[in-house]
All heavy atoms as atom14 arrays in JSON, in Angstrom:
{
  "sequence": "QKTEEHYGVRIRSVQPDGEAVAGFVARWGINGFRGSRDARLACCHA",
  "atom14_mask": [
    [1, 1, 1, 1, 1, 1, 1, 1, 1, 0, 0, 0, 0, 0],
    [1, 1, 1, 1, 1, 1, 1, 1, 1, 0, 0, 0, 0, 0],
    [1, 1, 1, 1, 1, 1, 1, 0, 0, 0, 0, 0, 0, 0],
    [1, 1, 1, 1, 1, 1, 1, 1, 1, 0, 0, 0, 0, 0],
    [1, 1, 1, 1, 1, 1, 1, 1, 1, 0, 0, 0, 0, 0],
    [1, 1, 1, 1, 1, 1, 1, 1, 1, 1, 0, 0, 0, 0],
    [1, 1, 1, 1, 1, 1, 1, 1, 1, 1, 1, 1, 0, 0],
    [1, 1, 1, 1, 0, 0, 0, 0, 0, 0, 0, 0, 0, 0],
    [1, 1, 1, 1, 1, 1, 1, 0, 0, 0, 0, 0, 0, 0],
    [1, 1, 1, 1, 1, 1, 1, 1, 1, 1, 1, 0, 0, 0],
    [1, 1, 1, 1, 1, 1, 1, 1, 0, 0, 0, 0, 0, 0],
    [1, 1, 1, 1, 1, 1, 1, 1, 1, 1, 1, 0, 0, 0],
    [1, 1, 1, 1, 1, 1, 0, 0, 0, 0, 0, 0, 0, 0],
    [1, 1, 1, 1, 1, 1, 1, 0, 0, 0, 0, 0, 0, 0],
    [1, 1, 1, 1, 1, 1, 1, 1, 1, 0, 0, 0, 0, 0],
    [1, 1, 1, 1, 1, 1, 1, 0, 0, 0, 0, 0, 0, 0],
    [1, 1, 1, 1, 1, 1, 1, 1, 0, 0, 0, 0, 0, 0],
    [1, 1, 1, 1, 0, 0, 0, 0, 0, 0, 0, 0, 0, 0],
    [1, 1, 1, 1, 1, 1, 1, 1, 1, 0, 0, 0, 0, 0],
    [1, 1, 1, 1, 1, 0, 0, 0, 0, 0, 0, 0, 0, 0],
    [1, 1, 1, 1, 1, 1, 1, 0, 0, 0, 0, 0, 0, 0],
    [1, 1, 1, 1, 1, 0, 0, 0, 0, 0, 0, 0, 0, 0],
    [1, 1, 1, 1, 0, 0, 0, 0, 0, 0, 0, 0, 0, 0],
    [1, 1, 1, 1, 1, 1, 1, 1, 1, 1, 1, 0, 0, 0],
    [1, 1, 1, 1, 1, 1, 1, 0, 0, 0, 0, 0, 0, 0],
    [1, 1, 1, 1, 1, 0, 0, 0, 0, 0, 0, 0, 0, 0],
    [1, 1, 1, 1, 1, 1, 1, 1, 1, 1, 1, 0, 0, 0],
    [1, 1, 1, 1, 1, 1, 1, 1, 1, 1, 1, 1, 1, 1],
    [1, 1, 1, 1, 0, 0, 0, 0, 0, 0, 0, 0, 0, 0],
    [1, 1, 1, 1, 1, 1, 1, 1, 0, 0, 0, 0, 0, 0],
    [1, 1, 1, 1, 1, 1, 1, 1, 0, 0, 0, 0, 0, 0],
    [1, 1, 1, 1, 0, 0, 0, 0, 0, 0, 0, 0, 0, 0],
    [1, 1, 1, 1, 1, 1, 1, 1, 1, 1, 1, 0, 0, 0],
    [1, 1, 1, 1, 1, 1, 1, 1, 1, 1, 1, 0, 0, 0],
    [1, 1, 1, 1, 0, 0, 0, 0, 0, 0, 0, 0, 0, 0],
    [1, 1, 1, 1, 1, 1, 0, 0, 0, 0, 0, 0, 0, 0],
    [1, 1, 1, 1, 1, 1, 1, 1, 1, 1, 1, 0, 0, 0],
    [1, 1, 1, 1, 1, 1, 1, 1, 0, 0, 0, 0, 0, 0],
    [1, 1, 1, 1, 1, 0, 0, 0, 0, 0, 0, 0, 0, 0],
    [1, 1, 1, 1, 1, 1, 1, 1, 1, 1, 1, 0, 0, 0],
    [1, 1, 1, 1, 1, 1, 1, 1, 0, 0, 0, 0, 0, 0],
    [1, 1, 1, 1, 1, 0, 0, 0, 0, 0, 0, 0, 0, 0],
    [1, 1, 1, 1, 1, 1, 0, 0, 0, 0, 0, 0, 0, 0],
    [1, 1, 1, 1, 1, 1, 0, 0, 0, 0, 0, 0, 0, 0],
    [1, 1, 1, 1, 1, 1, 1, 1, 1, 1, 0, 0, 0, 0],
    [1, 1, 1, 1, 1, 0, 0, 0, 0, 0, 0, 0, 0, 0]
  ],
  "atom14_positions": [
    [[-15.17, -11.9, 8.37], [-15.75, -13.15, 7.89], [-16.13, -14.07, 9.05], [-17.23, -14.66, 9.07], [-14.77, -13.86, 6.97], [-15.28, -15.21, 6.47], [-14.27, -15.94, 5.6], [-13.21, -15.4, 5.29], [-14.57, -17.18, 5.23], [0.0, 0.0, 0.0], [0.0, 0.0, 0.0], [0.0, 0.0, 0.0], [0.0, 0.0, 0.0], [0.0, 0.0, 0.0]],
    [[-15.26, -14.18, 10.04], [-15.53, -15.06, 11.19], [-16.75, -14.58, 11.96], [-17.56, -15.4, 12.43], [-14.31, -15.1, 12.11], [-14.45, -16.06, 13.27], [-13.16, -16.13, 14.09], [-13.28, -17.12, 15.23], [-12.02, -17.2, 16.02], [0.0, 0.0, 0.0], [0.0, 0.0, 0.0], [0.0, 0.0, 0.0], [0.0, 0.0, 0.0], [0.0, 0.0, 0.0]],
    [[-16.9, -13.27, 12.09], [-18.05, -12.71, 12.8], [-19.35, -13.05, 12.07], [-20.35, -13.45, 12.69], [-17.9, -11.19, 12.95], [-16.69, -10.9, 13.68], [-19.08, -10.59, 13.7], [0.0, 0.0, 0.0], [0.0, 0.0, 0.0], [0.0, 0.0, 0.0], [0.0, 0.0, 0.0], [0.0, 0.0, 0.0], [0.0, 0.0, 0.0], [0.0, 0.0, 0.0]],
    [[-19.34, -12.89, 10.76], [-20.54, -13.23, 9.98], [-20.89, -14.7, 10.12], [-22.07, -15.08, 10.28], [-20.31, -12.87, 8.52], [-20.25, -11.37, 8.26], [-20.17, -11.02, 6.78], [-19.63, -11.85, 6.0], [-20.63, -9.93, 6.41], [0.0, 0.0, 0.0], [0.0, 0.0, 0.0], [0.0, 0.0, 0.0], [0.0, 0.0, 0.0], [0.0, 0.0, 0.0]],
    [[-19.88, -15.55, 10.08], [-20.13, -16.99, 10.2], [-20.59, -17.36, 11.61], [-21.46, -18.21, 11.78], [-18.86, -17.76, 9.83], [-18.48, -17.62, 8.36], [-17.12, -18.22, 8.05], [-16.37, -18.54, 9.02], [-16.78, -18.35, 6.86], [0.0, 0.0, 0.0], [0.0, 0.0, 0.0], [0.0, 0.0, 0.0], [0.0, 0.0, 0.0], [0.0, 0.0, 0.0]],
    [[-20.01, -16.72, 12.61], [-20.33, -17.02, 14.01], [-21.78, -16.67, 14.34], [-22.45, -17.42, 15.06], [-19.39, -16.23, 14.92], [-19.53, -16.55, 16.38], [-18.94, -17.65, 16.97], [-20.19, -15.91, 17.38], [-19.22, -17.69, 18.26], [-19.98, -16.63, 18.53], [0.0, 0.0, 0.0], [0.0, 0.0, 0.0], [0.0, 0.0, 0.0], [0.0, 0.0, 0.0]],
    [[-22.26, -15.55, 13.79], [-23.6, -15.08, 14.13], [-24.62, -15.32, 13.01], [-25.8, -15.05, 13.2], [-23.57, -13.59, 14.48], [-22.78, -13.31, 15.73], [-21.49, -12.78, 15.65], [-23.29, -13.58, 16.99], [-20.75, -12.52, 16.79], [-22.56, -13.34, 18.14], [-21.28, -12.81, 18.03], [-20.54, -12.57, 19.17], [0.0, 0.0, 0.0], [0.0, 0.0, 0.0]],
    [[-24.17, -15.83, 11.87], [-25.08, -16.11, 10.78], [-25.7, -14.87, 10.17], [-26.91, -14.85, 9.89], [0.0, 0.0, 0.0], [0.0, 0.0, 0.0], [0.0, 0.0, 0.0], [0.0, 0.0, 0.0], [0.0, 0.0, 0.0], [0.0, 0.0, 0.0], [0.0, 0.0, 0.0], [0.0, 0.0, 0.0], [0.0, 0.0, 0.0], [0.0, 0.0, 0.0]],
    [[-24.89, -13.83, 9.96], [-25.39, -12.56, 9.43], [-24.48, -12.09, 8.3], [-23.39, -12.62, 8.1], [-25.46, -11.47, 10.52], [-26.42, -11.86, 11.63], [-24.06, -11.17, 11.07], [0.0, 0.0, 0.0], [0.0, 0.0, 0.0], [0.0, 0.0, 0.0], [0.0, 0.0, 0.0], [0.0, 0.0, 0.0], [0.0, 0.0, 0.0], [0.0, 0.0, 0.0]],
    [[-24.93, -11.07, 7.59], [-24.09, -10.31, 6.69], [-24.02, -8.89, 7.25], [-25.04, -8.28, 7.55], [-24.67, -10.27, 5.28], [-24.39, -11.51, 4.47], [-22.97, -11.54, 3.96], [-22.71, -12.74, 3.17], [-22.16, -13.84, 3.64], [-21.83, -13.91, 4.94], [-21.96, -14.89, 2.87], [0.0, 0.0, 0.0], [0.0, 0.0, 0.0], [0.0, 0.0, 0.0]],
    [[-22.81, -8.39, 7.42], [-22.6, -7.04, 7.91], [-22.4, -6.11, 6.72], [-21.53, -6.36, 5.87], [-21.4, -6.98, 8.87], [-21.73, -7.81, 10.12], [-21.06, -5.54, 9.24], [-20.57, -7.98, 11.07], [0.0, 0.0, 0.0], [0.0, 0.0, 0.0], [0.0, 0.0, 0.0], [0.0, 0.0, 0.0], [0.0, 0.0, 0.0], [0.0, 0.0, 0.0]],
    [[-23.21, -5.09, 6.66], [-23.17, -4.18, 5.52], [-21.82, -3.47, 5.42], [-21.31, -2.95, 6.41], [-24.29, -3.15, 5.63], [-24.32, -2.15, 4.47], [-25.3, -1.03, 4.73], [-25.13, 0.06, 3.77], [-25.53, 1.3, 3.98], [-26.14, 1.62, 5.11], [-25.32, 2.23, 3.06], [0.0, 0.0, 0.0], [0.0, 0.0, 0.0], [0.0, 0.0, 0.0]],
    [[-21.26, -3.46, 4.22], [-20.0, -2.79, 3.97], [-20.26, -1.48, 3.23], [-21.01, -1.44, 2.25], [-19.1, -3.68, 3.11], [-17.97, -2.97, 2.64], [0.0, 0.0, 0.0], [0.0, 0.0, 0.0], [0.0, 0.0, 0.0], [0.0, 0.0, 0.0], [0.0, 0.0, 0.0], [0.0, 0.0, 0.0], [0.0, 0.0, 0.0], [0.0, 0.0, 0.0]],
    [[-19.65, -0.39, 3.72], [-19.7, 0.89, 3.03], [-18.27, 1.25, 2.65], [-17.38, 1.3, 3.5], [-20.31, 2.0, 3.9], [-20.32, 3.33, 3.15], [-21.73, 1.62, 4.32], [0.0, 0.0, 0.0], [0.0, 0.0, 0.0], [0.0, 0.0, 0.0], [0.0, 0.0, 0.0], [0.0, 0.0, 0.0], [0.0, 0.0, 0.0], [0.0, 0.0, 0.0]],
    [[-18.04, 1.45, 1.37], [-16.7, 1.65, 0.86], [-16.5, 3.07, 0.36], [-17.47, 3.76, 0.02], [-16.42, 0.64, -0.26], [-16.51, -0.8, 0.24], [-16.41, -1.82, -0.87], [-16.94, -1.6, -1.96], [-15.75, -2.93, -0.61], [0.0, 0.0, 0.0], [0.0, 0.0, 0.0], [0.0, 0.0, 0.0], [0.0, 0.0, 0.0], [0.0, 0.0, 0.0]],
    [[-15.26, 3.53, 0.3], [-15.0, 4.89, -0.17], [-15.3, 5.04, -1.66], [-15.28, 4.07, -2.42], [-13.5, 5.09, 0.11], [-12.94, 3.72, 0.21], [-14.03, 2.85, 0.74], [0.0, 0.0, 0.0], [0.0, 0.0, 0.0], [0.0, 0.0, 0.0], [0.0, 0.0, 0.0], [0.0, 0.0, 0.0], [0.0, 0.0, 0.0], [0.0, 0.0, 0.0]],
    [[-15.59, 6.27, -2.05], [-15.81, 6.59, -3.45], [-14.48, 6.44, -4.2], [-13.46, 7.0, -3.8], [-16.33, 8.02, -3.58], [-16.47, 8.45, -5.02], [-17.44, 8.02, -5.67], [-15.61, 9.22, -5.5], [0.0, 0.0, 0.0], [0.0, 0.0, 0.0], [0.0, 0.0, 0.0], [0.0, 0.0, 0.0], [0.0, 0.0, 0.0], [0.0, 0.0, 0.0]],
    [[-14.5, 5.69, -5.28], [-13.28, 5.4, -6.01], [-12.61, 6.66, -6.56], [-11.37, 6.79, -6.53], [0.0, 0.0, 0.0], [0.0, 0.0, 0.0], [0.0, 0.0, 0.0], [0.0, 0.0, 0.0], [0.0, 0.0, 0.0], [0.0, 0.0, 0.0], [0.0, 0.0, 0.0], [0.0, 0.0, 0.0], [0.0, 0.0, 0.0], [0.0, 0.0, 0.0]],
    [[-13.39, 7.6, -7.03], [-12.82, 8.82, -7.57], [-12.17, 9.66, -6.48], [-11.13, 10.3, -6.71], [-13.89, 9.62, -8.3], [-14.36, 8.98, -9.6], [-15.29, 9.88, -10.38], [-15.5, 11.04, -9.96], [-15.81, 9.43, -11.43], [0.0, 0.0, 0.0], [0.0, 0.0, 0.0], [0.0, 0.0, 0.0], [0.0, 0.0, 0.0], [0.0, 0.0, 0.0]],
    [[-12.77, 9.66, -5.3], [-12.19, 10.42, -4.19], [-10.84, 9.84, -3.78], [-9.88, 10.58, -3.52], [-13.15, 10.43, -2.99], [0.0, 0.0, 0.0], [0.0, 0.0, 0.0], [0.0, 0.0, 0.0], [0.0, 0.0, 0.0], [0.0, 0.0, 0.0], [0.0, 0.0, 0.0], [0.0, 0.0, 0.0], [0.0, 0.0, 0.0], [0.0, 0.0, 0.0]],
    [[-10.76, 8.52, -3.72], [-9.49, 7.88, -3.37], [-8.45, 8.13, -4.47], [-7.29, 8.45, -4.18], [-9.68, 6.37, -3.15], [-8.34, 5.68, -2.97], [-10.57, 6.13, -1.93], [0.0, 0.0, 0.0], [0.0, 0.0, 0.0], [0.0, 0.0, 0.0], [0.0, 0.0, 0.0], [0.0, 0.0, 0.0], [0.0, 0.0, 0.0], [0.0, 0.0, 0.0]],
    [[-8.88, 8.02, -5.72], [-7.96, 8.27, -6.83], [-7.45, 9.71, -6.8], [-6.27, 9.97, -7.08], [-8.64, 7.98, -8.16], [0.0, 0.0, 0.0], [0.0, 0.0, 0.0], [0.0, 0.0, 0.0], [0.0, 0.0, 0.0], [0.0, 0.0, 0.0], [0.0, 0.0, 0.0], [0.0, 0.0, 0.0], [0.0, 0.0, 0.0], [0.0, 0.0, 0.0]],
    [[-8.34, 10.64, -6.43], [-7.93, 12.04, -6.33], [-6.91, 12.26, -5.23], [-5.95, 13.02, -5.41], [0.0, 0.0, 0.0], [0.0, 0.0, 0.0], [0.0, 0.0, 0.0], [0.0, 0.0, 0.0], [0.0, 0.0, 0.0], [0.0, 0.0, 0.0], [0.0, 0.0, 0.0], [0.0, 0.0, 0.0], [0.0, 0.0, 0.0], [0.0, 0.0, 0.0]],
    [[-7.11, 11.58, -4.11], [-6.14, 11.68, -3.03], [-4.78, 11.15, -3.47], [-3.74, 11.79, -3.26], [-6.61, 10.92, -1.79], [-5.54, 10.79, -0.73], [-5.32, 11.82, 0.16], [-4.71, 9.67, -0.68], [-4.31, 11.73, 1.11], [-3.71, 9.58, 0.27], [-3.51, 10.62, 1.16], [0.0, 0.0, 0.0], [0.0, 0.0, 0.0], [0.0, 0.0, 0.0]],
    [[-4.77, 9.98, -4.07], [-3.52, 9.37, -4.49], [-2.82, 10.23, -5.54], [-1.59, 10.39, -5.52], [-3.76, 7.94, -5.03], [-2.49, 7.36, -5.63], [-4.27, 7.04, -3.9], [0.0, 0.0, 0.0], [0.0, 0.0, 0.0], [0.0, 0.0, 0.0], [0.0, 0.0, 0.0], [0.0, 0.0, 0.0], [0.0, 0.0, 0.0], [0.0, 0.0, 0.0]],
    [[-3.59, 10.82, -6.46], [-2.99, 11.65, -7.5], [-2.32, 12.88, -6.9], [-1.28, 13.33, -7.39], [-4.07, 12.07, -8.5], [0.0, 0.0, 0.0], [0.0, 0.0, 0.0], [0.0, 0.0, 0.0], [0.0, 0.0, 0.0], [0.0, 0.0, 0.0], [0.0, 0.0, 0.0], [0.0, 0.0, 0.0], [0.0, 0.0, 0.0], [0.0, 0.0, 0.0]],
    [[-2.91, 13.41, -5.84], [-2.35, 14.62, -5.23], [-1.23, 14.32, -4.25], [-0.18, 14.97, -4.27], [-3.45, 15.41, -4.51], [-2.92, 16.67, -3.84], [-3.99, 17.47, -3.18], [-3.43, 18.66, -2.52], [-4.12, 19.51, -1.78], [-5.43, 19.35, -1.6], [-3.51, 20.55, -1.23], [0.0, 0.0, 0.0], [0.0, 0.0, 0.0], [0.0, 0.0, 0.0]],
    [[-1.43, 13.33, -3.37], [-0.52, 13.12, -2.25], [0.38, 11.89, -2.42], [1.38, 11.77, -1.7], [-1.31, 12.96, -0.95], [-2.21, 14.11, -0.61], [-3.56, 14.2, -0.85], [-1.84, 15.34, 0.01], [-4.05, 15.39, -0.39], [-3.03, 16.12, 0.15], [-0.64, 15.86, 0.49], [-3.04, 17.37, 0.72], [-0.65, 17.12, 1.08], [-1.83, 17.87, 1.19]],
    [[0.02, 10.97, -3.29], [0.78, 9.72, -3.41], [0.09, 8.59, -2.67], [-0.75, 8.81, -1.8], [0.0, 0.0, 0.0], [0.0, 0.0, 0.0], [0.0, 0.0, 0.0], [0.0, 0.0, 0.0], [0.0, 0.0, 0.0], [0.0, 0.0, 0.0], [0.0, 0.0, 0.0], [0.0, 0.0, 0.0], [0.0, 0.0, 0.0], [0.0, 0.0, 0.0]],
    [[0.45, 7.36, -2.99], [-0.25, 6.2, -2.45], [-0.17, 6.13, -0.93], [-1.12, 5.72, -0.26], [0.27, 4.89, -3.09], [-0.64, 3.72, -2.73], [1.71, 4.62, -2.71], [-2.03, 3.82, -3.29], [0.0, 0.0, 0.0], [0.0, 0.0, 0.0], [0.0, 0.0, 0.0], [0.0, 0.0, 0.0], [0.0, 0.0, 0.0], [0.0, 0.0, 0.0]],
    [[0.96, 6.53, -0.36], [1.11, 6.57, 1.1], [1.37, 8.0, 1.58], [2.07, 8.22, 2.57], [2.26, 5.66, 1.54], [1.91, 4.19, 1.43], [0.75, 3.81, 1.59], [2.89, 3.36, 1.13], [0.0, 0.0, 0.0], [0.0, 0.0, 0.0], [0.0, 0.0, 0.0], [0.0, 0.0, 0.0], [0.0, 0.0, 0.0], [0.0, 0.0, 0.0]],
    [[0.78, 8.94, 0.88], [1.04, 10.35, 1.17], [0.52, 10.85, 2.48], [0.86, 11.96, 2.91], [0.0, 0.0, 0.0], [0.0, 0.0, 0.0], [0.0, 0.0, 0.0], [0.0, 0.0, 0.0], [0.0, 0.0, 0.0], [0.0, 0.0, 0.0], [0.0, 0.0, 0.0], [0.0, 0.0, 0.0], [0.0, 0.0, 0.0], [0.0, 0.0, 0.0]],
    [[-0.3, 10.04, 3.17], [-0.88, 10.48, 4.43], [0.17, 10.74, 5.51], [-0.1, 11.42, 6.49], [-1.88, 9.43, 4.95], [-1.43, 8.01, 4.77], [-0.54, 7.43, 5.65], [-1.89, 7.26, 3.71], [-0.11, 6.13, 5.48], [-1.48, 5.95, 3.52], [-0.58, 5.38, 4.41], [0.0, 0.0, 0.0], [0.0, 0.0, 0.0], [0.0, 0.0, 0.0]],
    [[1.38, 10.21, 5.34], [2.43, 10.46, 6.33], [3.15, 11.78, 6.07], [3.96, 12.21, 6.89], [3.44, 9.32, 6.33], [2.9, 8.03, 6.92], [4.02, 7.16, 7.46], [3.5, 5.93, 8.02], [3.44, 4.76, 7.38], [3.84, 4.69, 6.13], [2.96, 3.69, 7.96], [0.0, 0.0, 0.0], [0.0, 0.0, 0.0], [0.0, 0.0, 0.0]],
    [[2.88, 12.42, 4.95], [3.6, 13.64, 4.61], [3.22, 14.85, 5.43], [4.05, 15.72, 5.7], [0.0, 0.0, 0.0], [0.0, 0.0, 0.0], [0.0, 0.0, 0.0], [0.0, 0.0, 0.0], [0.0, 0.0, 0.0], [0.0, 0.0, 0.0], [0.0, 0.0, 0.0], [0.0, 0.0, 0.0], [0.0, 0.0, 0.0], [0.0, 0.0, 0.0]],
    [[1.97, 14.93, 5.85], [1.5, 16.06, 6.66], [0.18, 15.68, 7.3], [-0.49, 14.73, 6.87], [1.32, 17.31, 5.79], [0.21, 17.14, 4.91], [0.0, 0.0, 0.0], [0.0, 0.0, 0.0], [0.0, 0.0, 0.0], [0.0, 0.0, 0.0], [0.0, 0.0, 0.0], [0.0, 0.0, 0.0], [0.0, 0.0, 0.0], [0.0, 0.0, 0.0]],
    [[-0.19, 16.43, 8.32], [-1.47, 16.16, 8.97], [-2.63, 16.42, 8.01], [-3.63, 15.71, 8.01], [-1.62, 17.0, 10.24], [-2.83, 16.63, 11.08], [-2.81, 17.31, 12.44], [-3.89, 16.84, 13.29], [-5.12, 17.37, 13.28], [-5.39, 18.39, 12.47], [-6.06, 16.9, 14.08], [0.0, 0.0, 0.0], [0.0, 0.0, 0.0], [0.0, 0.0, 0.0]],
    [[-2.5, 17.47, 7.18], [-3.55, 17.76, 6.21], [-3.74, 16.6, 5.24], [-4.88, 16.24, 4.9], [-3.21, 19.03, 5.43], [-3.41, 20.3, 6.25], [-4.09, 20.22, 7.3], [-2.9, 21.35, 5.84], [0.0, 0.0, 0.0], [0.0, 0.0, 0.0], [0.0, 0.0, 0.0], [0.0, 0.0, 0.0], [0.0, 0.0, 0.0], [0.0, 0.0, 0.0]],
    [[-2.63, 16.01, 4.81], [-2.72, 14.87, 3.9], [-3.38, 13.68, 4.59], [-4.22, 12.99, 4.0], [-1.34, 14.49, 3.39], [0.0, 0.0, 0.0], [0.0, 0.0, 0.0], [0.0, 0.0, 0.0], [0.0, 0.0, 0.0], [0.0, 0.0, 0.0], [0.0, 0.0, 0.0], [0.0, 0.0, 0.0], [0.0, 0.0, 0.0], [0.0, 0.0, 0.0]],
    [[-3.0, 13.44, 5.83], [-3.6, 12.31, 6.56], [-5.1, 12.51, 6.74], [-5.91, 11.59, 6.55], [-2.9, 12.14, 7.91], [-3.18, 10.8, 8.57], [-4.39, 10.81, 9.45], [-4.2, 11.63, 10.63], [-5.17, 11.91, 11.49], [-6.39, 11.46, 11.28], [-4.94, 12.67, 12.54], [0.0, 0.0, 0.0], [0.0, 0.0, 0.0], [0.0, 0.0, 0.0]],
    [[-5.51, 13.73, 7.09], [-6.93, 14.0, 7.27], [-7.68, 13.88, 5.94], [-8.84, 13.46, 5.92], [-7.13, 15.39, 7.87], [-6.73, 15.52, 9.35], [-6.82, 16.97, 9.8], [-7.61, 14.63, 10.23], [0.0, 0.0, 0.0], [0.0, 0.0, 0.0], [0.0, 0.0, 0.0], [0.0, 0.0, 0.0], [0.0, 0.0, 0.0], [0.0, 0.0, 0.0]],
    [[-7.02, 14.25, 4.84], [-7.65, 14.1, 3.53], [-7.88, 12.63, 3.21], [-8.93, 12.25, 2.64], [-6.78, 14.75, 2.45], [0.0, 0.0, 0.0], [0.0, 0.0, 0.0], [0.0, 0.0, 0.0], [0.0, 0.0, 0.0], [0.0, 0.0, 0.0], [0.0, 0.0, 0.0], [0.0, 0.0, 0.0], [0.0, 0.0, 0.0], [0.0, 0.0, 0.0]],
    [[-6.92, 11.79, 3.58], [-7.08, 10.35, 3.36], [-8.21, 9.81, 4.23], [-9.07, 9.06, 3.76], [-5.77, 9.63, 3.68], [-5.8, 7.86, 3.28], [0.0, 0.0, 0.0], [0.0, 0.0, 0.0], [0.0, 0.0, 0.0], [0.0, 0.0, 0.0], [0.0, 0.0, 0.0], [0.0, 0.0, 0.0], [0.0, 0.0, 0.0], [0.0, 0.0, 0.0]],
    [[-8.24, 10.19, 5.5], [-9.3, 9.76, 6.4], [-10.66, 10.23, 5.9], [-11.66, 9.52, 6.03], [-9.05, 10.28, 7.81], [-7.71, 9.45, 8.71], [0.0, 0.0, 0.0], [0.0, 0.0, 0.0], [0.0, 0.0, 0.0], [0.0, 0.0, 0.0], [0.0, 0.0, 0.0], [0.0, 0.0, 0.0], [0.0, 0.0, 0.0], [0.0, 0.0, 0.0]],
    [[-10.69, 11.44, 5.35], [-11.97, 11.96, 4.86], [-12.48, 11.1, 3.71], [-13.66, 10.72, 3.68], [-11.82, 13.41, 4.41], [-13.14, 14.02, 3.98], [-14.02, 14.59, 4.87], [-13.72, 14.1, 2.75], [-15.09, 15.0, 4.22], [-14.93, 14.71, 2.93], [0.0, 0.0, 0.0], [0.0, 0.0, 0.0], [0.0, 0.0, 0.0], [0.0, 0.0, 0.0]],
    [[-11.59, 10.79, 2.77], [-12.01, 10.01, 1.61], [-12.39, 8.58, 1.98], [-13.36, 8.02, 1.47], [-10.9, 9.99, 0.56], [0.0, 0.0, 0.0], [0.0, 0.0, 0.0], [0.0, 0.0, 0.0], [0.0, 0.0, 0.0], [0.0, 0.0, 0.0], [0.0, 0.0, 0.0], [0.0, 0.0, 0.0], [0.0, 0.0, 0.0], [0.0, 0.0, 0.0]]
  ]
}
């Protein structure tokens, strides 16, 4: 927010797909990324 106000711009936001995040949480848990490297990479991918 401060950056946008400082420079008078809007910075485009790209957000994760909701279904992909929901799928990750359903499989690994809300903080499941700490369970294994594969789980962490799956979270980063989504």
